[in-house]
PDB file of N, CA and C in Angstrom:
ATOM      1  N   MET A   1       3.508  48.872  75.146  1.00  0.00           N
ATOM      2  CA  MET A   1       3.852  48.973  74.242  1.00  0.00           C
ATOM      3  C   MET A   1       5.290  48.461  74.443  1.00  0.00           C
ATOM      4  N   VAL A   2       6.093  48.836  75.020  1.00  0.00           N
ATOM      5  CA  VAL A   2       7.385  47.655  75.269  1.00  0.00           C
ATOM      6  C   VAL A   2       6.853  46.679  75.521  1.00  0.00           C
ATOM      7  N   ALA A   3       6.206  46.429  76.352  1.00  0.00           N
ATOM      8  CA  ALA A   3       5.975  44.149  76.193  1.00  0.00           C
ATOM      9  C   ALA A   3       5.904  44.037  74.646  1.00  0.00           C
ATOM     10  N   GLY A   4       5.011  44.233  73.526  1.00  0.00           N
ATOM     11  CA  GLY A   4       5.166  44.228  72.563  1.00  0.00           C
ATOM     12  C   GLY A   4       6.377  44.081  71.989  1.00  0.00           C
ATOM     13  N   LEU A   5       7.188  45.383  71.712  1.00  0.00           N
ATOM     14  CA  LEU A   5       8.537  45.013  71.028  1.00  0.00           C
ATOM     15  C   LEU A   5       8.875  44.033  71.982  1.00  0.00           C
ATOM     16  N   LEU A   6       9.170  44.005  73.439  1.00  0.00           N
ATOM     17  CA  LEU A   6      10.084  42.628  72.636  1.00  0.00           C
ATOM     18  C   LEU A   6       9.981  41.814  72.705  1.00  0.00           C
ATOM     19  N   ALA A   7       8.026  41.262  72.670  1.00  0.00           N
ATOM     20  CA  ALA A   7       8.109  39.589  72.310  1.00  0.00           C
ATOM     21  C   ALA A   7       8.721  39.774  70.981  1.00  0.00           C
ATOM     22  N   ALA A   8       8.204  40.787  69.971  1.00  0.00           N
ATOM     23  CA  ALA A   8       7.914  41.098  67.962  1.00  0.00           C
ATOM     24  C   ALA A   8      10.451  40.077  68.600  1.00  0.00           C
ATOM     25  N   THR A   9      10.459  41.376  69.164  1.00  0.00           N
ATOM     26  CA  THR A   9      12.280  40.481  69.510  1.00  0.00           C
ATOM     27  C   THR A   9      12.781  39.666  70.271  1.00  0.00           C
ATOM     28  N   ALA A  10      12.495  39.105  70.829  1.00  0.00           N
ATOM     29  CA  ALA A  10      12.506  37.409  71.156  1.00  0.00           C
ATOM     30  C   ALA A  10      11.387  36.194  70.108  1.00  0.00           C
ATOM     31  N   ALA A  11      10.764  37.305  69.210  1.00  0.00           N
ATOM     32  CA  ALA A  11      10.376  36.039  67.849  1.00  0.00           C
ATOM     33  C   ALA A  11      11.566  35.989  67.272  1.00  0.00           C
ATOM     34  N   HIS A  12      11.599  37.369  66.956  1.00  0.00           N
ATOM     35  CA  HIS A  12      12.870  37.558  66.360  1.00  0.00           C
ATOM     36  C   HIS A  12      13.923  36.191  65.942  1.00  0.00           C
ATOM     37  N   ALA A  13      14.627  36.552  67.191  1.00  0.00           N
ATOM     38  CA  ALA A  13      15.534  35.685  68.178  1.00  0.00           C
ATOM     39  C   ALA A  13      15.377  34.312  67.791  1.00  0.00           C
ATOM     40  N   ASP A  14      14.099  33.795  68.073  1.00  0.00           N
ATOM     41  CA  ASP A  14      12.978  32.039  67.714  1.00  0.00           C
ATOM     42  C   ASP A  14      12.833  32.136  66.217  1.00  0.00           C
ATOM     43  N   GLY A  15      13.303  32.310  65.487  1.00  0.00           N
ATOM     44  CA  GLY A  15      13.144  32.480  64.516  1.00  0.00           C
ATOM     45  C   GLY A  15      13.600  31.822  63.089  1.00  0.00           C
ATOM     46  N   ASP A  16      13.336  31.106  62.685  1.00  0.00           N
ATOM     47  CA  ASP A  16      13.684  29.605  62.004  1.00  0.00           C
ATOM     48  C   ASP A  16      14.000  29.519  60.405  1.00  0.00           C
ATOM     49  N   ALA A  17      15.561  29.885  60.258  1.00  0.00           N
ATOM     50  CA  ALA A  17      15.653  30.448  58.884  1.00  0.00           C
ATOM     51  C   ALA A  17      15.523  29.283  57.801  1.00  0.00           C
ATOM     52  N   VAL A  18      14.972  28.736  58.192  1.00  0.00           N
ATOM     53  CA  VAL A  18      14.610  26.646  57.117  1.00  0.00           C
ATOM     54  C   VAL A  18      13.188  27.328  56.572  1.00  0.00           C
ATOM     55  N   ALA A  19      12.445  28.275  57.001  1.00  0.00           N
ATOM     56  CA  ALA A  19      11.062  28.348  56.852  1.00  0.00           C
ATOM     57  C   ALA A  19      11.711  29.537  56.303  1.00  0.00           C
ATOM     58  N   GLY A  20      12.146  30.748  57.105  1.00  0.00           N
ATOM     59  CA  GLY A  20      12.321  31.164  56.195  1.00  0.00           C
ATOM     60  C   GLY A  20      12.582  31.908  54.691  1.00  0.00           C
ATOM     61  N   LYS A  21      13.147  30.618  54.734  1.00  0.00           N
ATOM     62  CA  LYS A  21      13.930  31.318  52.893  1.00  0.00           C
ATOM     63  C   LYS A  21      12.446  30.223  52.378  1.00  0.00           C
ATOM     64  N   THR A  22      11.551  29.657  53.095  1.00  0.00           N
ATOM     65  CA  THR A  22      10.248  29.460  51.764  1.00  0.00           C
ATOM     66  C   THR A  22      10.408  30.137  52.333  1.00  0.00           C
ATOM     67  N   VAL A  23       9.622  31.074  53.440  1.00  0.00           N
ATOM     68  CA  VAL A  23       8.155  32.702  52.356  1.00  0.00           C
ATOM     69  C   VAL A  23       9.267  34.014  51.736  1.00  0.00           C
ATOM     70  N   PHE A  24      10.535  33.783  52.335  1.00  0.00           N
ATOM     71  CA  PHE A  24      11.510  34.038  50.997  1.00  0.00           C
ATOM     72  C   PHE A  24      11.093  34.563  49.581  1.00  0.00           C
ATOM     73  N   LYS A  25      10.090  33.334  49.522  1.00  0.00           N
ATOM     74  CA  LYS A  25      10.182  33.184  47.787  1.00  0.00           C
ATOM     75  C   LYS A  25       8.700  34.119  47.260  1.00  0.00           C
ATOM     76  N   LYS A  26       8.639  34.818  48.554  1.00  0.00           N
ATOM     77  CA  LYS A  26       7.415  35.444  48.218  1.00  0.00           C
ATOM     78  C   LYS A  26       8.111  37.031  48.247  1.00  0.00           C
ATOM     79  N   CYS A  27       9.420  37.387  48.427  1.00  0.00           N
ATOM     80  CA  CYS A  27      10.416  38.068  48.708  1.00  0.00           C
ATOM     81  C   CYS A  27      11.754  38.613  47.274  1.00  0.00           C
ATOM     82  N   ALA A  28      10.933  37.184  46.309  1.00  0.00           N
ATOM     83  CA  ALA A  28      12.493  37.099  45.365  1.00  0.00           C
ATOM     84  C   ALA A  28      12.764  37.159  44.111  1.00  0.00           C
ATOM     85  N   ALA A  29      11.236  37.801  44.099  1.00  0.00           N
ATOM     86  CA  ALA A  29      11.271  38.503  41.998  1.00  0.00           C
ATOM     87  C   ALA A  29      10.946  40.127  42.411  1.00  0.00           C
ATOM     88  N   CYS A  30      12.117  40.335  43.661  1.00  0.00           N
ATOM     89  CA  CYS A  30      12.938  41.468  43.643  1.00  0.00           C
ATOM     90  C   CYS A  30      14.310  41.490  44.413  1.00  0.00           C
ATOM     91  N   HIS A  31      13.595  41.124  45.206  1.00  0.00           N
ATOM     92  CA  HIS A  31      14.950  40.568  46.305  1.00  0.00           C
ATOM     93  C   HIS A  31      15.997  39.424  46.495  1.00  0.00           C
ATOM     94  N   ALA A  32      17.092  39.480  46.063  1.00  0.00           N
ATOM     95  CA  ALA A  32      18.619  38.483  45.685  1.00  0.00           C
ATOM     96  C   ALA A  32      18.909  38.352  47.486  1.00  0.00           C
ATOM     97  N   VAL A  33      20.322  36.943  48.108  1.00  0.00           N
ATOM     98  CA  VAL A  33      20.991  37.327  49.126  1.00  0.00           C
ATOM     99  C   VAL A  33      21.711  36.469  48.401  1.00  0.00           C
ATOM    100  N   ASP A  34      22.505  37.103  47.360  1.00  0.00           N
ATOM    101  CA  ASP A  34      23.179  36.668  46.528  1.00  0.00           C
ATOM    102  C   ASP A  34      24.536  37.597  46.129  1.00  0.00           C
ATOM    103  N   GLY A  35      24.066  38.819  46.547  1.00  0.00           N
ATOM    104  CA  GLY A  35      24.760  40.052  46.133  1.00  0.00           C
ATOM    105  C   GLY A  35      24.520  41.191  45.120  1.00  0.00           C
ATOM    106  N   LYS A  36      23.495  40.963  44.612  1.00  0.00           N
ATOM    107  CA  LYS A  36      23.058  41.233  42.841  1.00  0.00           C
ATOM    108  C   LYS A  36      21.397  42.257  43.346  1.00  0.00           C
ATOM    109  N   ASN A  37      21.246  42.762  42.726  1.00  0.00           N
ATOM    110  CA  ASN A  37      20.703  43.680  43.324  1.00  0.00           C
ATOM    111  C   ASN A  37      19.635  43.422  41.471  1.00  0.00           C
ATOM    112  N   LYS A  38      17.798  42.996  41.805  1.00  0.00           N
ATOM    113  CA  LYS A  38      17.170  42.765  41.170  1.00  0.00           C
ATOM    114  C   LYS A  38      16.278  44.480  41.355  1.00  0.00           C
ATOM    115  N   VAL A  39      14.457  44.098  40.857  1.00  0.00           N
ATOM    116  CA  VAL A  39      14.009  45.486  41.476  1.00  0.00           C
ATOM    117  C   VAL A  39      14.246  46.138  42.191  1.00  0.00           C
ATOM    118  N   GLY A  40      14.621  44.596  43.807  1.00  0.00           N
ATOM    119  CA  GLY A  40      14.573  45.488  44.651  1.00  0.00           C
ATOM    120  C   GLY A  40      16.730  45.301  44.592  1.00  0.00           C
ATOM    121  N   PRO A  41      17.000  45.682  45.319  1.00  0.00           N
ATOM    122  CA  PRO A  41      18.488  46.048  46.694  1.00  0.00           C
ATOM    123  C   PRO A  41      18.420  44.536  47.607  1.00  0.00           C
ATOM    124  N   HIS A  42      19.476  43.559  46.807  1.00  0.00           N
ATOM    125  CA  HIS A  42      19.859  42.886  47.566  1.00  0.00           C
ATOM    126  C   HIS A  42      19.811  43.039  48.879  1.00  0.00           C
ATOM    127  N   LEU A  43      19.329  41.770  49.924  1.00  0.00           N
ATOM    128  CA  LEU A  43      19.372  41.672  50.832  1.00  0.00           C
ATOM    129  C   LEU A  43      20.375  40.785  51.997  1.00  0.00           C
ATOM    130  N   ASP A  44      21.830  40.843  51.431  1.00  0.00           N
ATOM    131  CA  ASP A  44      22.678  40.425  52.290  1.00  0.00           C
ATOM    132  C   ASP A  44      23.517  40.949  52.579  1.00  0.00           C
ATOM    133  N   GLY A  45      23.285  40.208  54.042  1.00  0.00           N
ATOM    134  CA  GLY A  45      23.740  41.352  55.145  1.00  0.00           C
ATOM    135  C   GLY A  45      22.929  42.469  55.939  1.00  0.00           C
ATOM    136  N   ILE A  46      21.244  42.847  55.709  1.00  0.00           N
ATOM    137  CA  ILE A  46      20.819  43.880  55.706  1.00  0.00           C
ATOM    138  C   ILE A  46      20.760  44.030  57.611  1.00  0.00           C
ATOM    139  N   ILE A  47      21.139  43.341  57.897  1.00  0.00           N
ATOM    140  CA  ILE A  47      20.678  43.222  59.536  1.00  0.00           C
ATOM    141  C   ILE A  47      22.454  43.933  59.819  1.00  0.00           C
ATOM    142  N   GLY A  48      21.935  45.906  60.355  1.00  0.00           N
ATOM    143  CA  GLY A  48      22.649  45.978  61.275  1.00  0.00           C
ATOM    144  C   GLY A  48      23.179  47.173  59.406  1.00  0.00           C
ATOM    145  N   ARG A  49      22.513  47.133  58.670  1.00  0.00           N
ATOM    146  CA  ARG A  49      23.227  47.895  57.213  1.00  0.00           C
ATOM    147  C   ARG A  49      23.064  49.449  57.105  1.00  0.00           C
ATOM    148  N   PRO A  50      23.415  50.266  56.673  1.00  0.00           N
ATOM    149  CA  PRO A  50      22.665  51.457  56.955  1.00  0.00           C
ATOM    150  C   PRO A  50      21.354  51.031  56.195  1.00  0.00           C
ATOM    151  N   VAL A  51      20.278  52.115  56.315  1.00  0.00           N
ATOM    152  CA  VAL A  51      19.305  51.721  55.606  1.00  0.00           C
ATOM    153  C   VAL A  51      19.090  52.396  54.188  1.00  0.00           C
ATOM    154  N   ALA A  52      18.917  52.321  53.141  1.00  0.00           N
ATOM    155  CA  ALA A  52      18.823  52.413  51.672  1.00  0.00           C
ATOM    156  C   ALA A  52      20.423  53.303  51.319  1.00  0.00           C
ATOM    157  N   SER A  53      21.876  52.175  51.509  1.00  0.00           N
ATOM    158  CA  SER A  53      22.707  52.080  51.070  1.00  0.00           C
ATOM    159  C   SER A  53      23.128  51.073  50.361  1.00  0.00           C
ATOM    160  N   VAL A  54      23.215  50.430  49.535  1.00  0.00           N
ATOM    161  CA  VAL A  54      23.163  49.416  47.948  1.00  0.00           C
ATOM    162  C   VAL A  54      23.547  50.312  47.835  1.00  0.00           C
ATOM    163  N   GLU A  55      24.561  49.939  46.943  1.00  0.00           N
ATOM    164  CA  GLU A  55      25.620  50.487  45.616  1.00  0.00           C
ATOM    165  C   GLU A  55      25.447  50.175  44.601  1.00  0.00           C
ATOM    166  N   ASP A  56      25.032  50.465  43.895  1.00  0.00           N
ATOM    167  CA  ASP A  56      24.534  50.678  42.270  1.00  0.00           C
ATOM    168  C   ASP A  56      22.609  50.286  42.518  1.00  0.00           C
ATOM    169  N   TYR A  57      21.910  50.315  43.032  1.00  0.00           N
ATOM    170  CA  TYR A  57      20.135  50.821  43.558  1.00  0.00           C
ATOM    171  C   TYR A  57      20.318  51.730  43.361  1.00  0.00           C
ATOM    172  N   LYS A  58      18.978  52.155  42.700  1.00  0.00           N
ATOM    173  CA  LYS A  58      18.151  53.635  42.631  1.00  0.00           C
ATOM    174  C   LYS A  58      17.851  53.665  43.691  1.00  0.00           C
ATOM    175  N   TYR A  59      17.070  54.223  44.731  1.00  0.00           N
ATOM    176  CA  TYR A  59      16.133  54.567  45.738  1.00  0.00           C
ATOM    177  C   TYR A  59      15.113  55.149  45.960  1.00  0.00           C
ATOM    178  N   SER A  60      14.110  55.125  46.150  1.00  0.00           N
ATOM    179  CA  SER A  60      12.840  56.008  45.956  1.00  0.00           C
ATOM    180  C   SER A  60      13.122  57.180  46.807  1.00  0.00           C
ATOM    181  N   LYS A  61      13.298  58.410  46.239  1.00  0.00           N
ATOM    182  CA  LYS A  61      13.217  59.336  47.454  1.00  0.00           C
ATOM    183  C   LYS A  61      12.763  58.458  49.279  1.00  0.00           C
ATOM    184  N   ALA A  62      11.862  58.671  48.906  1.00  0.00           N
ATOM    185  CA  ALA A  62      10.308  57.801  49.556  1.00  0.00           C
ATOM    186  C   ALA A  62      11.676  57.423  51.393  1.00  0.00           C
ATOM    187  N   MET A  63      12.566  56.431  50.195  1.00  0.00           N
ATOM    188  CA  MET A  63      13.454  55.151  51.459  1.00  0.00           C
ATOM    189  C   MET A  63      14.634  56.207  51.697  1.00  0.00           C
ATOM    190  N   GLU A  64      14.970  56.936  50.839  1.00  0.00           N
ATOM    191  CA  GLU A  64      16.132  57.694  51.679  1.00  0.00           C
ATOM    192  C   GLU A  64      16.152  59.198  52.133  1.00  0.00           C
ATOM    193  N   GLU A  65      14.461  59.757  52.303  1.00  0.00           N
ATOM    194  CA  GLU A  65      13.872  59.690  53.453  1.00  0.00           C
ATOM    195  C   GLU A  65      13.656  59.719  54.851  1.00  0.00           C
ATOM    196  N   HIS A  66      13.657  58.024  54.241  1.00  0.00           N
ATOM    197  CA  HIS A  66      13.302  56.951  55.598  1.00  0.00           C
ATOM    198  C   HIS A  66      14.819  56.444  56.671  1.00  0.00           C
ATOM    199  N   ALA A  67      16.142  56.929  55.144  1.00  0.00           N
ATOM    200  CA  ALA A  67      17.192  56.411  56.703  1.00  0.00           C
ATOM    201  C   ALA A  67      17.520  57.573  57.751  1.00  0.00           C
ATOM    202  N   ALA A  68      17.067  58.804  56.881  1.00  0.00           N
ATOM    203  CA  ALA A  68      17.613  60.076  57.835  1.00  0.00           C
ATOM    204  C   ALA A  68      17.050  59.953  58.801  1.00  0.00           C
ATOM    205  N   GLU A  69      15.739  59.628  58.942  1.00  0.00           N
ATOM    206  CA  GLU A  69      15.290  59.397  60.786  1.00  0.00           C
ATOM    207  C   GLU A  69      15.753  57.461  61.646  1.00  0.00           C
ATOM    208  N   VAL A  70      15.234  56.712  60.119  1.00  0.00           N
ATOM    209  CA  VAL A  70      15.363  54.616  60.797  1.00  0.00           C
ATOM    210  C   VAL A  70      17.300  54.049  59.691  1.00  0.00           C
ATOM    211  N   PRO A  71      18.369  55.348  60.984  1.00  0.00           N
ATOM    212  CA  PRO A  71      19.623  54.843  60.191  1.00  0.00           C
ATOM    213  C   PRO A  71      20.446  53.670  59.661  1.00  0.00           C
ATOM    214  N   GLU A  72      19.529  52.703  60.203  1.00  0.00           N
ATOM    215  CA  GLU A  72      20.232  51.416  60.515  1.00  0.00           C
ATOM    216  C   GLU A  72      19.090  50.074  60.198  1.00  0.00           C
ATOM    217  N   TRP A  73      18.935  49.596  59.462  1.00  0.00           N
ATOM    218  CA  TRP A  73      17.778  48.311  59.787  1.00  0.00           C
ATOM    219  C   TRP A  73      18.392  46.911  60.835  1.00  0.00           C
ATOM    220  N   THR A  74      18.414  47.611  61.834  1.00  0.00           N
ATOM    221  CA  THR A  74      18.101  46.984  62.878  1.00  0.00           C
ATOM    222  C   THR A  74      16.846  45.142  62.241  1.00  0.00           C
ATOM    223  N   GLU A  75      16.600  43.955  63.305  1.00  0.00           N
ATOM    224  CA  GLU A  75      15.327  43.708  63.062  1.00  0.00           C
ATOM    225  C   GLU A  75      14.335  44.627  63.523  1.00  0.00           C
ATOM    226  N   GLU A  76      14.082  45.425  64.488  1.00  0.00           N
ATOM    227  CA  GLU A  76      12.733  45.530  64.870  1.00  0.00           C
ATOM    228  C   GLU A  76      12.765  46.299  63.734  1.00  0.00           C
ATOM    229  N   ALA A  77      13.175  47.650  63.387  1.00  0.00           N
ATOM    230  CA  ALA A  77      13.460  48.514  61.940  1.00  0.00           C
ATOM    231  C   ALA A  77      13.083  47.316  61.053  1.00  0.00           C
ATOM    232  N   LEU A  78      13.210  46.685  59.883  1.00  0.00           N
ATOM    233  CA  LEU A  78      12.834  45.712  59.427  1.00  0.00           C
ATOM    234  C   LEU A  78      11.537  44.921  59.794  1.00  0.00           C
ATOM    235  N   ALA A  79      11.031  44.515  61.102  1.00  0.00           N
ATOM    236  CA  ALA A  79      10.542  43.968  61.128  1.00  0.00           C
ATOM    237  C   ALA A  79       9.029  44.717  60.864  1.00  0.00           C
ATOM    238  N   ALA A  80       8.991  45.427  61.686  1.00  0.00           N
ATOM    239  CA  ALA A  80       7.907  46.855  60.880  1.00  0.00           C
ATOM    240  C   ALA A  80       7.449  47.081  60.470  1.00  0.00           C
ATOM    241  N   TYR A  81       8.464  47.742  59.058  1.00  0.00           N
ATOM    242  CA  TYR A  81       8.737  46.635  57.545  1.00  0.00           C
ATOM    243  C   TYR A  81       7.726  45.752  56.100  1.00  0.00           C
ATOM    244  N   LEU A  82       8.282  44.995  57.321  1.00  0.00           N
ATOM    245  CA  LEU A  82       8.290  44.176  56.337  1.00  0.00           C
ATOM    246  C   LEU A  82       7.019  43.407  56.278  1.00  0.00           C
ATOM    247  N   HIS A  83       6.017  43.834  57.801  1.00  0.00           N
ATOM    248  CA  HIS A  83       4.687  44.238  58.081  1.00  0.00           C
ATOM    249  C   HIS A  83       3.440  44.461  56.957  1.00  0.00           C
ATOM    250  N   LYS A  84       4.531  46.495  57.245  1.00  0.00           N
ATOM    251  CA  LYS A  84       3.239  47.030  56.191  1.00  0.00           C
ATOM    252  C   LYS A  84       4.582  48.257  56.252  1.00  0.00           C
ATOM    253  N   PRO A  85       4.619  47.948  54.816  1.00  0.00           N
ATOM    254  CA  PRO A  85       6.202  48.864  54.237  1.00  0.00           C
ATOM    255  C   PRO A  85       5.480  49.884  54.160  1.00  0.00           C
ATOM    256  N   LYS A  86       4.177  50.039  53.026  1.00  0.00           N
ATOM    257  CA  LYS A  86       3.601  51.827  52.926  1.00  0.00           C
ATOM    258  C   LYS A  86       3.275  52.407  53.614  1.00  0.00           C
ATOM    259  N   ALA A  87       3.496  51.617  55.531  1.00  0.00           N
ATOM    260  CA  ALA A  87       2.740  51.692  56.202  1.00  0.00           C
ATOM    261  C   ALA A  87       4.003  52.579  57.189  1.00  0.00           C
ATOM    262  N   VAL A  88       5.302  52.271  57.279  1.00  0.00           N
ATOM    263  CA  VAL A  88       6.247  52.343  57.523  1.00  0.00           C
ATOM    264  C   VAL A  88       7.281  53.121  56.429  1.00  0.00           C
ATOM    265  N   VAL A  89       7.111  53.345  55.540  1.00  0.00           N
ATOM    266  CA  VAL A  89       7.177  53.661  54.131  1.00  0.00           C
ATOM    267  C   VAL A  89       7.000  55.149  53.366  1.00  0.00           C
ATOM    268  N   PRO A  90       5.294  56.310  53.823  1.00  0.00           N
ATOM    269  CA  PRO A  90       5.209  56.045  52.997  1.00  0.00           C
ATOM    270  C   PRO A  90       5.853  56.516  51.576  1.00  0.00           C
ATOM    271  N   LYS A  91       4.957  56.178  50.438  1.00  0.00           N
ATOM    272  CA  LYS A  91       5.259  56.313  48.266  1.00  0.00           C
ATOM    273  C   LYS A  91       6.790  55.253  48.380  1.00  0.00           C
ATOM    274  N   THR A  92       6.771  54.593  49.300  1.00  0.00           N
ATOM    275  CA  THR A  92       8.095  53.867  49.081  1.00  0.00           C
ATOM    276  C   THR A  92       7.527  53.366  47.705  1.00  0.00           C
ATOM    277  N   LYS A  93       8.607  52.907  46.251  1.00  0.00           N
ATOM    278  CA  LYS A  93       8.169  51.719  45.208  1.00  0.00           C
ATOM    279  C   LYS A  93       8.722  50.528  45.043  1.00  0.00           C
ATOM    280  N   MET A  94       8.337  50.322  46.901  1.00  0.00           N
ATOM    281  CA  MET A  94       8.245  48.489  47.183  1.00  0.00           C
ATOM    282  C   MET A  94       6.654  48.079  46.756  1.00  0.00           C
ATOM    283  N   ALA A  95       6.160  47.585  46.015  1.00  0.00           N
ATOM    284  CA  ALA A  95       4.956  47.168  45.639  1.00  0.00           C
ATOM    285  C   ALA A  95       4.018  46.534  46.648  1.00  0.00           C
ATOM    286  N   PHE A  96       4.971  45.462  47.501  1.00  0.00           N
ATOM    287  CA  PHE A  96       4.782  43.898  48.518  1.00  0.00           C
ATOM    288  C   PHE A  96       3.985  44.730  49.524  1.00  0.00           C
ATOM    289  N   ALA A  97       3.096  43.806  50.241  1.00  0.00           N
ATOM    290  CA  ALA A  97       1.664  44.677  50.868  1.00  0.00           C
ATOM    291  C   ALA A  97       2.617  43.991  52.348  1.00  0.00           C
ATOM    292  N   GLY A  98       3.192  43.446  52.845  1.00  0.00           N
ATOM    293  CA  GLY A  98       4.047  42.867  53.378  1.00  0.00           C
ATOM    294  C   GLY A  98       3.378  41.189  53.995  1.00  0.00           C
ATOM    295  N   LEU A  99       3.848  41.034  55.083  1.00  0.00           N
ATOM    296  CA  LEU A  99       3.920  40.141  55.519  1.00  0.00           C
ATOM    297  C   LEU A  99       2.847  40.180  57.109  1.00  0.00           C
ATOM    298  N   ASN A 100       1.420  39.183  56.755  1.00  0.00           N
ATOM    299  CA  ASN A 100       0.576  39.211  57.674  1.00  0.00           C
ATOM    300  C   ASN A 100       1.072  39.019  59.289  1.00  0.00           C
ATOM    301  N   LYS A 101       1.271  37.543  59.225  1.00  0.00           N
ATOM    302  CA  LYS A 101       2.158  36.975  60.333  1.00  0.00           C
ATOM    303  C   LYS A 101       3.711  37.218  60.462  1.00  0.00           C
ATOM    304  N   ASP A 102       3.641  37.398  62.767  1.00  0.00           N
ATOM    305  CA  ASP A 102       5.002  37.597  63.258  1.00  0.00           C
ATOM    306  C   ASP A 102       5.616  35.948  63.149  1.00  0.00           C
ATOM    307  N   GLU A 103       5.014  35.015  63.097  1.00  0.00           N
ATOM    308  CA  GLU A 103       6.214  34.310  62.248  1.00  0.00           C
ATOM    309  C   GLU A 103       6.799  34.330  61.073  1.00  0.00           C
ATOM    310  N   ASP A 104       5.864  34.386  60.288  1.00  0.00           N
ATOM    311  CA  ASP A 104       6.984  34.738  58.776  1.00  0.00           C
ATOM    312  C   ASP A 104       7.326  35.846  58.194  1.00  0.00           C
ATOM    313  N   VAL A 105       6.460  36.506  59.178  1.00  0.00           N
ATOM    314  CA  VAL A 105       9.138  37.803  59.584  1.00  0.00           C
ATOM    315  C   VAL A 105       9.792  37.348  60.491  1.00  0.00           C
ATOM    316  N   ALA A 106       9.773  36.936  61.418  1.00  0.00           N
ATOM    317  CA  ALA A 106      10.052  36.730  62.598  1.00  0.00           C
ATOM    318  C   ALA A 106      11.641  35.202  61.684  1.00  0.00           C
ATOM    319  N   ASN A 107      10.660  34.332  60.920  1.00  0.00           N
ATOM    320  CA  ASN A 107      11.323  33.541  59.957  1.00  0.00           C
ATOM    321  C   ASN A 107      12.406  34.324  58.849  1.00  0.00           C
ATOM    322  N   VAL A 108      11.875  34.758  58.150  1.00  0.00           N
ATOM    323  CA  VAL A 108      12.554  35.804  56.975  1.00  0.00           C
ATOM    324  C   VAL A 108      13.495  36.116  57.486  1.00  0.00           C
ATOM    325  N   ILE A 109      13.518  37.076  58.869  1.00  0.00           N
ATOM    326  CA  ILE A 109      14.363  37.697  59.765  1.00  0.00           C
ATOM    327  C   ILE A 109      15.459  37.214  59.381  1.00  0.00           C
ATOM    328  N   ALA A 110      15.180  35.009  60.125  1.00  0.00           N
ATOM    329  CA  ALA A 110      15.724  34.395  60.375  1.00  0.00           C
ATOM    330  C   ALA A 110      17.031  33.856  59.549  1.00  0.00           C
ATOM    331  N   TYR A 111      16.714  33.428  57.594  1.00  0.00           N
ATOM    332  CA  TYR A 111      16.993  33.751  57.020  1.00  0.00           C
ATOM    333  C   TYR A 111      17.841  34.293  56.203  1.00  0.00           C
ATOM    334  N   LEU A 112      17.576  36.181  56.335  1.00  0.00           N
ATOM    335  CA  LEU A 112      18.223  37.355  56.392  1.00  0.00           C
ATOM    336  C   LEU A 112      18.996  36.858  56.905  1.00  0.00           C
ATOM    337  N   LYS A 113      19.704  36.923  58.474  1.00  0.00           N
ATOM    338  CA  LYS A 113      20.940  36.797  58.688  1.00  0.00           C
ATOM    339  C   LYS A 113      21.150  35.766  58.569  1.00  0.00           C
ATOM    340  N   ASP A 114      21.602  35.099  57.923  1.00  0.00           N
ATOM    341  CA  ASP A 114      21.765  33.605  58.012  1.00  0.00           C
ATOM    342  C   ASP A 114      21.326  32.621  57.217  1.00  0.00           C
ATOM    343  N   PRO A 115      21.648  33.509  55.737  1.00  0.00           N
ATOM    344  CA  PRO A 115      21.262  32.377  55.182  1.00  0.00           C
ATOM    345  C   PRO A 115      21.646  30.739  54.381  1.00  0.00           C
ATOM    346  N   SER A 116      22.832  30.478  54.518  1.00  0.00           N
ATOM    347  CA  SER A 116      23.860  29.626  55.098  1.00  0.00           C
ATOM    348  C   SER A 116      22.215  28.369  55.611  1.00  0.00           C
ATOM    349  N   ALA A 117      22.254  28.698  57.046  1.00  0.00           N
ATOM    350  CA  ALA A 117      21.720  27.881  57.566  1.00  0.00           C
ATOM    351  C   ALA A 117      20.377  27.668  56.835  1.00  0.00           C
ATOM    352  N   ALA A 118      19.278  27.506  55.967  1.00  0.00           N
ATOM    353  CA  ALA A 118      18.580  27.574  55.095  1.00  0.00           C
ATOM    354  C   ALA A 118      18.785  26.094  54.820  1.00  0.00           C
ATOM    355  N   GLU A 119      20.085  25.703  54.589  1.00  0.00           N
ATOM    356  CA  GLU A 119      21.288  24.987  53.435  1.00  0.00           C
ATOM    357  C   GLU A 119      21.332  23.185  54.757  1.00  0.00           C
TER     358      GLU A 119
END
């Protein structure tokens, strides 16, 4: 189990922001990286940000409860959520089923860490 976490962490460090920008198109209908909320909260600076903390965004009760268990969006926490949102936060209002490929998750995380790296 620990080896799997370490491998996932290493994969995140090796993510490709340019490829992540392409994968992020799956997210862009509901999320942005320009500081503006859409159907979902903006994702600017999500790594290291407290869970359920974007001002002027109404989170589900389930996400607010999740914040008590996982107070910060680490790469590991975000990776788990991106893979299977409803498995991590049952009753989340996010409709997206998740990303199946570890590579896609790593790339999206690389993009979210530094969107300007994809320009």
